């Protein structure tokens, strides 16, 4: 049961990161003092949100394997968004 809950939370954090990253970078006009990376870069902001939330949850629960899996999933998210943006420019 514990593994299922952690897997669902990993998926939920990834989805939340995608939504927040897209919303902040494309739909919301940021103030001038926030107009810098990672706030104006979709892949950067999404990766950082995912990494921070997964690390916080892993530290709260005390599960180092979850932190490792969260870091790996954050890197995969970065790679997926990087490839998506690369295909748009081609």
PDB file of N, CA and C in Angstrom:
ATOM      1  N   UNK A   1       0.819  -1.191   0.000  1.00  0.00           N
ATOM      2  CA  UNK A   1       0.000   0.000   0.000  1.00  0.00           C
ATOM      3  C   UNK A   1       0.869   1.263   0.000  1.00  0.00           C
ATOM      4  N   UNK A   2       1.950   1.236   0.749  1.00  0.00           N
ATOM      5  CA  UNK A   2       2.854   2.385   0.836  1.00  0.00           C
ATOM      6  C   UNK A   2       3.458   2.705  -0.530  1.00  0.00           C
ATOM      7  N   UNK A   3       3.840   1.687  -1.269  1.00  0.00           N
ATOM      8  CA  UNK A   3       4.446   1.894  -2.587  1.00  0.00           C
ATOM      9  C   UNK A   3       3.426   2.501  -3.549  1.00  0.00           C
ATOM     10  N   UNK A   4       2.189   2.063  -3.473  1.00  0.00           N
ATOM     11  CA  UNK A   4       1.144   2.614  -4.342  1.00  0.00           C
ATOM     12  C   UNK A   4       0.920   4.096  -4.056  1.00  0.00           C
ATOM     13  N   UNK A   5       0.870   4.453  -2.777  1.00  0.00           N
ATOM     14  CA  UNK A   5       0.665   5.854  -2.400  1.00  0.00           C
ATOM     15  C   UNK A   5       1.829   6.708  -2.875  1.00  0.00           C
ATOM     16  N   UNK A   6       3.042   6.230  -2.733  1.00  0.00           N
ATOM     17  CA  UNK A   6       4.209   7.005  -3.166  1.00  0.00           C
ATOM     18  C   UNK A   6       4.250   7.129  -4.682  1.00  0.00           C
ATOM     19  N   UNK A   7       3.857   6.087  -5.396  1.00  0.00           N
ATOM     20  CA  UNK A   7       3.827   6.154  -6.856  1.00  0.00           C
ATOM     21  C   UNK A   7       2.763   7.146  -7.330  1.00  0.00           C
ATOM     22  N   UNK A   8       1.599   7.117  -6.693  1.00  0.00           N
ATOM     23  CA  UNK A   8       0.536   8.066  -7.041  1.00  0.00           C
ATOM     24  C   UNK A   8       0.971   9.483  -6.737  1.00  0.00           C
ATOM     25  N   UNK A   9       1.669   9.691  -5.617  1.00  0.00           N
ATOM     26  CA  UNK A   9       2.142  11.038  -5.292  1.00  0.00           C
ATOM     27  C   UNK A   9       3.216  11.495  -6.279  1.00  0.00           C
ATOM     28  N   UNK A  10       4.045  10.594  -6.753  1.00  0.00           N
ATOM     29  CA  UNK A  10       5.051  10.938  -7.764  1.00  0.00           C
ATOM     30  C   UNK A  10       4.384  11.381  -9.057  1.00  0.00           C
ATOM     31  N   UNK A  11       3.359  10.678  -9.472  1.00  0.00           N
ATOM     32  CA  UNK A  11       2.606  11.036 -10.675  1.00  0.00           C
ATOM     33  C   UNK A  11       1.877  12.368 -10.460  1.00  0.00           C
ATOM     34  N   UNK A  12       1.265  12.545  -9.292  1.00  0.00           N
ATOM     35  CA  UNK A  12       0.519  13.778  -9.004  1.00  0.00           C
ATOM     36  C   UNK A  12       1.450  14.989  -9.001  1.00  0.00           C
ATOM     37  N   UNK A  13       2.623  14.859  -8.417  1.00  0.00           N
ATOM     38  CA  UNK A  13       3.581  15.964  -8.397  1.00  0.00           C
ATOM     39  C   UNK A  13       4.040  16.278  -9.815  1.00  0.00           C
ATOM     40  N   UNK A  14       4.232  15.277 -10.631  1.00  0.00           N
ATOM     41  CA  UNK A  14       4.628  15.517 -12.023  1.00  0.00           C
ATOM     42  C   UNK A  14       3.545  16.275 -12.784  1.00  0.00           C
ATOM     43  N   UNK A  15       2.298  15.891 -12.595  1.00  0.00           N
ATOM     44  CA  UNK A  15       1.192  16.565 -13.279  1.00  0.00           C
ATOM     45  C   UNK A  15       1.055  18.001 -12.786  1.00  0.00           C
ATOM     46  N   UNK A  16       1.152  18.200 -11.472  1.00  0.00           N
ATOM     47  CA  UNK A  16       1.088  19.548 -10.913  1.00  0.00           C
ATOM     48  C   UNK A  16       2.216  20.411 -11.460  1.00  0.00           C
ATOM     49  N   UNK A  17       3.400  19.836 -11.572  1.00  0.00           N
ATOM     50  CA  UNK A  17       4.543  20.586 -12.097  1.00  0.00           C
ATOM     51  C   UNK A  17       4.315  21.007 -13.540  1.00  0.00           C
ATOM     52  N   UNK A  18       3.789  20.095 -14.357  1.00  0.00           N
ATOM     53  CA  UNK A  18       3.489  20.433 -15.751  1.00  0.00           C
ATOM     54  C   UNK A  18       2.484  21.582 -15.829  1.00  0.00           C
ATOM     55  N   UNK A  19       1.418  21.505 -15.038  1.00  0.00           N
ATOM     56  CA  UNK A  19       0.365  22.516 -15.080  1.00  0.00           C
ATOM     57  C   UNK A  19       0.890  23.870 -14.603  1.00  0.00           C
ATOM     58  N   UNK A  20       1.571  23.883 -13.473  1.00  0.00           N
ATOM     59  CA  UNK A  20       2.091  25.148 -12.936  1.00  0.00           C
ATOM     60  C   UNK A  20       3.152  25.729 -13.858  1.00  0.00           C
ATOM     61  N   UNK A  21       4.035  24.898 -14.381  1.00  0.00           N
ATOM     62  CA  UNK A  21       5.077  25.381 -15.281  1.00  0.00           C
ATOM     63  C   UNK A  21       4.506  26.015 -16.534  1.00  0.00           C
ATOM     64  N   UNK A  22       3.519  25.390 -17.128  1.00  0.00           N
ATOM     65  CA  UNK A  22       2.891  25.949 -18.332  1.00  0.00           C
ATOM     66  C   UNK A  22       2.116  27.217 -18.015  1.00  0.00           C
ATOM     67  N   UNK A  23       1.382  27.206 -16.909  1.00  0.00           N
ATOM     68  CA  UNK A  23       0.578  28.361 -16.535  1.00  0.00           C
ATOM     69  C   UNK A  23       1.442  29.586 -16.251  1.00  0.00           C
ATOM     70  N   UNK A  24       2.479  29.409 -15.463  1.00  0.00           N
ATOM     71  CA  UNK A  24       3.310  30.550 -15.065  1.00  0.00           C
ATOM     72  C   UNK A  24       4.103  31.101 -16.242  1.00  0.00           C
ATOM     73  N   UNK A  25       4.629  30.242 -17.080  1.00  0.00           N
ATOM     74  CA  UNK A  25       5.486  30.729 -18.161  1.00  0.00           C
ATOM     75  C   UNK A  25       4.727  31.230 -19.372  1.00  0.00           C
ATOM     76  N   UNK A  26       3.505  30.747 -19.602  1.00  0.00           N
ATOM     77  CA  UNK A  26       2.803  31.108 -20.821  1.00  0.00           C
ATOM     78  C   UNK A  26       1.551  31.940 -20.610  1.00  0.00           C
ATOM     79  N   UNK A  27       0.906  31.857 -19.468  1.00  0.00           N
ATOM     80  CA  UNK A  27      -0.370  32.528 -19.287  1.00  0.00           C
ATOM     81  C   UNK A  27      -0.331  33.714 -18.328  1.00  0.00           C
ATOM     82  N   UNK A  28       0.606  33.730 -17.409  1.00  0.00           N
ATOM     83  CA  UNK A  28       0.666  34.779 -16.406  1.00  0.00           C
ATOM     84  C   UNK A  28       1.785  35.755 -16.748  1.00  0.00           C
ATOM     85  N   UNK A  29       1.474  37.041 -16.662  1.00  0.00           N
ATOM     86  CA  UNK A  29       2.495  38.076 -16.867  1.00  0.00           C
ATOM     87  C   UNK A  29       3.235  38.274 -15.542  1.00  0.00           C
ATOM     88  N   UNK A  30       4.522  37.940 -15.549  1.00  0.00           N
ATOM     89  CA  UNK A  30       5.326  38.024 -14.336  1.00  0.00           C
ATOM     90  C   UNK A  30       5.830  39.444 -14.120  1.00  0.00           C
ATOM     91  N   UNK A  31       6.024  39.838 -12.857  1.00  0.00           N
ATOM     92  CA  UNK A  31       6.644  41.143 -12.596  1.00  0.00           C
ATOM     93  C   UNK A  31       8.070  41.178 -13.136  1.00  0.00           C
ATOM     94  N   UNK A  32       8.609  42.363 -13.291  1.00  0.00           N
ATOM     95  CA  UNK A  32       9.947  42.524 -13.878  1.00  0.00           C
ATOM     96  C   UNK A  32      11.020  41.829 -13.043  1.00  0.00           C
ATOM     97  N   UNK A  33      10.870  41.813 -11.721  1.00  0.00           N
ATOM     98  CA  UNK A  33      11.897  41.216 -10.876  1.00  0.00           C
ATOM     99  C   UNK A  33      11.862  39.685 -10.905  1.00  0.00           C
ATOM    100  N   UNK A  34      10.814  39.095 -11.483  1.00  0.00           N
ATOM    101  CA  UNK A  34      10.755  37.642 -11.657  1.00  0.00           C
ATOM    102  C   UNK A  34      10.992  37.214 -13.098  1.00  0.00           C
ATOM    103  N   UNK A  35      11.301  38.154 -13.956  1.00  0.00           N
ATOM    104  CA  UNK A  35      11.505  37.835 -15.373  1.00  0.00           C
ATOM    105  C   UNK A  35      12.933  37.344 -15.604  1.00  0.00           C
ATOM    106  N   UNK A  36      13.221  36.170 -15.075  1.00  0.00           N
ATOM    107  CA  UNK A  36      14.533  35.533 -15.207  1.00  0.00           C
ATOM    108  C   UNK A  36      14.331  34.030 -15.093  1.00  0.00           C
ATOM    109  N   UNK A  37      15.364  33.282 -15.463  1.00  0.00           N
ATOM    110  CA  UNK A  37      15.276  31.838 -15.294  1.00  0.00           C
ATOM    111  C   UNK A  37      15.303  31.529 -13.813  1.00  0.00           C
ATOM    112  N   UNK A  38      14.599  30.575 -13.341  1.00  0.00           N
ATOM    113  CA  UNK A  38      13.767  29.573 -13.980  1.00  0.00           C
ATOM    114  C   UNK A  38      12.328  30.009 -14.196  1.00  0.00           C
ATOM    115  N   UNK A  39      11.960  31.246 -13.853  1.00  0.00           N
ATOM    116  CA  UNK A  39      10.557  31.647 -13.901  1.00  0.00           C
ATOM    117  C   UNK A  39      10.040  31.893 -15.310  1.00  0.00           C
ATOM    118  N   UNK A  40      10.896  32.252 -16.254  1.00  0.00           N
ATOM    119  CA  UNK A  40      10.426  32.501 -17.614  1.00  0.00           C
ATOM    120  C   UNK A  40      10.772  31.358 -18.573  1.00  0.00           C
ATOM    121  N   UNK A  41      11.253  30.260 -18.054  1.00  0.00           N
ATOM    122  CA  UNK A  41      11.635  29.094 -18.852  1.00  0.00           C
ATOM    123  C   UNK A  41      10.770  27.910 -18.406  1.00  0.00           C
ATOM    124  N   UNK A  42       9.946  27.411 -19.314  1.00  0.00           N
ATOM    125  CA  UNK A  42       8.997  26.349 -18.955  1.00  0.00           C
ATOM    126  C   UNK A  42       9.691  25.092 -18.457  1.00  0.00           C
ATOM    127  N   UNK A  43      10.701  24.645 -19.186  1.00  0.00           N
ATOM    128  CA  UNK A  43      11.342  23.393 -18.771  1.00  0.00           C
ATOM    129  C   UNK A  43      12.094  23.561 -17.453  1.00  0.00           C
ATOM    130  N   UNK A  44      12.672  24.744 -17.238  1.00  0.00           N
ATOM    131  CA  UNK A  44      13.401  24.991 -15.989  1.00  0.00           C
ATOM    132  C   UNK A  44      12.450  25.034 -14.798  1.00  0.00           C
ATOM    133  N   UNK A  45      11.364  25.803 -14.938  1.00  0.00           N
ATOM    134  CA  UNK A  45      10.422  25.941 -13.836  1.00  0.00           C
ATOM    135  C   UNK A  45       9.736  24.609 -13.512  1.00  0.00           C
ATOM    136  N   UNK A  46       9.338  23.882 -14.525  1.00  0.00           N
ATOM    137  CA  UNK A  46       8.687  22.593 -14.304  1.00  0.00           C
ATOM    138  C   UNK A  46       9.627  21.614 -13.604  1.00  0.00           C
ATOM    139  N   UNK A  47      10.874  21.594 -14.040  1.00  0.00           N
ATOM    140  CA  UNK A  47      11.858  20.703 -13.423  1.00  0.00           C
ATOM    141  C   UNK A  47      12.108  21.079 -11.973  1.00  0.00           C
ATOM    142  N   UNK A  48      12.267  22.361 -11.705  1.00  0.00           N
ATOM    143  CA  UNK A  48      12.529  22.799 -10.335  1.00  0.00           C
ATOM    144  C   UNK A  48      11.345  22.537  -9.415  1.00  0.00           C
ATOM    145  N   UNK A  49      10.136  22.808  -9.889  1.00  0.00           N
ATOM    146  CA  UNK A  49       8.963  22.535  -9.051  1.00  0.00           C
ATOM    147  C   UNK A  49       8.878  21.043  -8.742  1.00  0.00           C
ATOM    148  N   UNK A  50       9.069  20.217  -9.740  1.00  0.00           N
ATOM    149  CA  UNK A  50       9.012  18.772  -9.550  1.00  0.00           C
ATOM    150  C   UNK A  50      10.106  18.297  -8.587  1.00  0.00           C
ATOM    151  N   UNK A  51      11.309  18.795  -8.791  1.00  0.00           N
ATOM    152  CA  UNK A  51      12.430  18.379  -7.949  1.00  0.00           C
ATOM    153  C   UNK A  51      12.223  18.796  -6.498  1.00  0.00           C
ATOM    154  N   UNK A  52      11.807  20.032  -6.281  1.00  0.00           N
ATOM    155  CA  UNK A  52      11.625  20.534  -4.918  1.00  0.00           C
ATOM    156  C   UNK A  52      10.483  19.803  -4.211  1.00  0.00           C
ATOM    157  N   UNK A  53       9.347  19.635  -4.882  1.00  0.00           N
ATOM    158  CA  UNK A  53       8.225  18.950  -4.238  1.00  0.00           C
ATOM    159  C   UNK A  53       8.534  17.491  -3.937  1.00  0.00           C
ATOM    160  N   UNK A  54       9.195  16.813  -4.859  1.00  0.00           N
ATOM    161  CA  UNK A  54       9.557  15.412  -4.606  1.00  0.00           C
ATOM    162  C   UNK A  54      10.566  15.299  -3.471  1.00  0.00           C
ATOM    163  N   UNK A  55      11.530  16.201  -3.422  1.00  0.00           N
ATOM    164  CA  UNK A  55      12.518  16.171  -2.348  1.00  0.00           C
ATOM    165  C   UNK A  55      11.875  16.473  -1.002  1.00  0.00           C
ATOM    166  N   UNK A  56      10.989  17.468  -0.962  1.00  0.00           N
ATOM    167  CA  UNK A  56      10.307  17.781   0.295  1.00  0.00           C
ATOM    168  C   UNK A  56       9.468  16.610   0.792  1.00  0.00           C
ATOM    169  N   UNK A  57       8.712  16.005  -0.113  1.00  0.00           N
ATOM    170  CA  UNK A  57       7.901  14.856   0.291  1.00  0.00           C
ATOM    171  C   UNK A  57       8.786  13.696   0.754  1.00  0.00           C
ATOM    172  N   UNK A  58       9.878  13.457   0.053  1.00  0.00           N
ATOM    173  CA  UNK A  58      10.790  12.397   0.457  1.00  0.00           C
ATOM    174  C   UNK A  58      11.421  12.648   1.816  1.00  0.00           C
ATOM    175  N   UNK A  59      11.765  13.903   2.087  1.00  0.00           N
ATOM    176  CA  UNK A  59      12.342  14.237   3.393  1.00  0.00           C
ATOM    177  C   UNK A  59      11.306  14.150   4.506  1.00  0.00           C
ATOM    178  N   UNK A  60      10.083  14.572   4.217  1.00  0.00           N
ATOM    179  CA  UNK A  60       9.022  14.481   5.227  1.00  0.00           C
ATOM    180  C   UNK A  60       8.730  13.024   5.576  1.00  0.00           C
ATOM    181  N   UNK A  61       8.655  12.188   4.551  1.00  0.00           N
ATOM    182  CA  UNK A  61       8.368  10.770   4.770  1.00  0.00           C
ATOM    183  C   UNK A  61       9.610  10.040   5.285  1.00  0.00           C
ATOM    184  N   UNK A  62      10.789  10.534   4.910  1.00  0.00           N
ATOM    185  CA  UNK A  62      12.031   9.896   5.326  1.00  0.00           C
ATOM    186  C   UNK A  62      12.445   8.754   4.422  1.00  0.00           C
ATOM    187  N   UNK A  63      12.110   8.856   3.157  1.00  0.00           N
ATOM    188  CA  UNK A  63      12.394   7.792   2.205  1.00  0.00           C
ATOM    189  C   UNK A  63      13.393   8.292   1.163  1.00  0.00           C
ATOM    190  N   UNK A  64      14.625   7.817   1.254  1.00  0.00           N
ATOM    191  CA  UNK A  64      15.679   8.261   0.336  1.00  0.00           C
ATOM    192  C   UNK A  64      15.482   7.703  -1.069  1.00  0.00           C
ATOM    193  N   UNK A  65      14.865   6.557  -1.168  1.00  0.00           N
ATOM    194  CA  UNK A  65      14.601   5.987  -2.490  1.00  0.00           C
ATOM    195  C   UNK A  65      13.577   6.846  -3.231  1.00  0.00           C
ATOM    196  N   UNK A  66      12.601   7.377  -2.505  1.00  0.00           N
ATOM    197  CA  UNK A  66      11.630   8.273  -3.136  1.00  0.00           C
ATOM    198  C   UNK A  66      12.314   9.546  -3.635  1.00  0.00           C
ATOM    199  N   UNK A  67      13.250  10.072  -2.861  1.00  0.00           N
ATOM    200  CA  UNK A  67      13.989  11.260  -3.297  1.00  0.00           C
ATOM    201  C   UNK A  67      14.759  10.954  -4.580  1.00  0.00           C
ATOM    202  N   UNK A  68      15.386   9.797  -4.650  1.00  0.00           N
ATOM    203  CA  UNK A  68      16.115   9.399  -5.852  1.00  0.00           C
ATOM    204  C   UNK A  68      15.162   9.243  -7.036  1.00  0.00           C
ATOM    205  N   UNK A  69      14.043   8.572  -6.828  1.00  0.00           N
ATOM    206  CA  UNK A  69      13.060   8.410  -7.915  1.00  0.00           C
ATOM    207  C   UNK A  69      12.488   9.757  -8.341  1.00  0.00           C
ATOM    208  N   UNK A  70      12.260  10.654  -7.396  1.00  0.00           N
ATOM    209  CA  UNK A  70      11.758  11.984  -7.726  1.00  0.00           C
ATOM    210  C   UNK A  70      12.756  12.796  -8.526  1.00  0.00           C
ATOM    211  N   UNK A  71      14.029  12.671  -8.183  1.00  0.00           N
ATOM    212  CA  UNK A  71      15.071  13.373  -8.931  1.00  0.00           C
ATOM    213  C   UNK A  71      15.174  12.825 -10.351  1.00  0.00           C
ATOM    214  N   UNK A  72      15.091  11.522 -10.483  1.00  0.00           N
ATOM    215  CA  UNK A  72      15.135  10.912 -11.817  1.00  0.00           C
ATOM    216  C   UNK A  72      13.918  11.329 -12.636  1.00  0.00           C
ATOM    217  N   UNK A  73      12.735  11.348 -12.016  1.00  0.00           N
ATOM    218  CA  UNK A  73      11.539  11.762 -12.755  1.00  0.00           C
ATOM    219  C   UNK A  73      11.619  13.233 -13.154  1.00  0.00           C
ATOM    220  N   UNK A  74      12.243  14.072 -12.329  1.00  0.00           N
ATOM    221  CA  UNK A  74      12.437  15.481 -12.685  1.00  0.00           C
ATOM    222  C   UNK A  74      13.355  15.614 -13.892  1.00  0.00           C
ATOM    223  N   UNK A  75      14.396  14.809 -13.945  1.00  0.00           N
ATOM    224  CA  UNK A  75      15.293  14.832 -15.099  1.00  0.00           C
ATOM    225  C   UNK A  75      14.578  14.347 -16.354  1.00  0.00           C
ATOM    226  N   UNK A  76      13.727  13.346 -16.212  1.00  0.00           N
ATOM    227  CA  UNK A  76      12.951  12.854 -17.356  1.00  0.00           C
ATOM    228  C   UNK A  76      11.981  13.934 -17.833  1.00  0.00           C
ATOM    229  N   UNK A  77      11.352  14.632 -16.917  1.00  0.00           N
ATOM    230  CA  UNK A  77      10.452  15.730 -17.283  1.00  0.00           C
ATOM    231  C   UNK A  77      11.206  16.797 -18.060  1.00  0.00           C
ATOM    232  N   UNK A  78      12.399  17.156 -17.593  1.00  0.00           N
ATOM    233  CA  UNK A  78      13.213  18.152 -18.299  1.00  0.00           C
ATOM    234  C   UNK A  78      13.510  17.681 -19.719  1.00  0.00           C
ATOM    235  N   UNK A  79      13.899  16.443 -19.861  1.00  0.00           N
ATOM    236  CA  UNK A  79      14.236  15.893 -21.178  1.00  0.00           C
ATOM    237  C   UNK A  79      13.022  15.880 -22.098  1.00  0.00           C
ATOM    238  N   UNK A  80      11.854  15.506 -21.576  1.00  0.00           N
ATOM    239  CA  UNK A  80      10.645  15.469 -22.396  1.00  0.00           C
ATOM    240  C   UNK A  80      10.252  16.864 -22.887  1.00  0.00           C
ATOM    241  N   UNK A  81      10.295  17.840 -22.003  1.00  0.00           N
ATOM    242  CA  UNK A  81       9.945  19.203 -22.407  1.00  0.00           C
ATOM    243  C   UNK A  81      10.997  19.762 -23.357  1.00  0.00           C
ATOM    244  N   UNK A  82      12.263  19.439 -23.124  1.00  0.00           N
ATOM    245  CA  UNK A  82      13.331  19.883 -24.020  1.00  0.00           C
ATOM    246  C   UNK A  82      13.096  19.347 -25.438  1.00  0.00           C
ATOM    247  N   UNK A  83      12.767  18.070 -25.562  1.00  0.00           N
ATOM    248  CA  UNK A  83      12.496  17.478 -26.876  1.00  0.00           C
ATOM    249  C   UNK A  83      11.256  18.075 -27.522  1.00  0.00           C
ATOM    250  N   UNK A  84      10.222  18.345 -26.720  1.00  0.00           N
ATOM    251  CA  UNK A  84       9.009  18.952 -27.256  1.00  0.00           C
ATOM    252  C   UNK A  84       9.298  20.349 -27.808  1.00  0.00           C
ATOM    253  N   UNK A  85      10.053  21.154 -27.070  1.00  0.00           N
ATOM    254  CA  UNK A  85      10.392  22.498 -27.538  1.00  0.00           C
ATOM    255  C   UNK A  85      11.327  22.447 -28.736  1.00  0.00           C
ATOM    256  N   UNK A  86      12.208  21.462 -28.766  1.00  0.00           N
ATOM    257  CA  UNK A  86      13.125  21.317 -29.892  1.00  0.00           C
ATOM    258  C   UNK A  86      12.364  20.981 -31.169  1.00  0.00           C
ATOM    259  N   UNK A  87      11.345  20.120 -31.067  1.00  0.00           N
ATOM    260  CA  UNK A  87      10.543  19.757 -32.232  1.00  0.00           C
ATOM    261  C   UNK A  87       9.723  20.939 -32.732  1.00  0.00           C
ATOM    262  N   UNK A  88       9.307  21.819 -31.832  1.00  0.00           N
ATOM    263  CA  UNK A  88       8.540  22.994 -32.256  1.00  0.00           C
ATOM    264  C   UNK A  88       9.374  23.947 -33.081  1.00  0.00           C
ATOM    265  N   UNK A  89      10.664  24.020 -32.793  1.00  0.00           N
ATOM    266  CA  UNK A  89      11.535  24.966 -33.504  1.00  0.00           C
ATOM    267  C   UNK A  89      12.018  24.419 -34.834  1.00  0.00           C
ATOM    268  N   UNK A  90      11.865  23.122 -35.054  1.00  0.00           N
ATOM    269  CA  UNK A  90      12.333  22.525 -36.313  1.00  0.00           C
ATOM    270  C   UNK A  90      11.330  22.655 -37.410  1.00  0.00           C
TER     271      UNK A  90
END
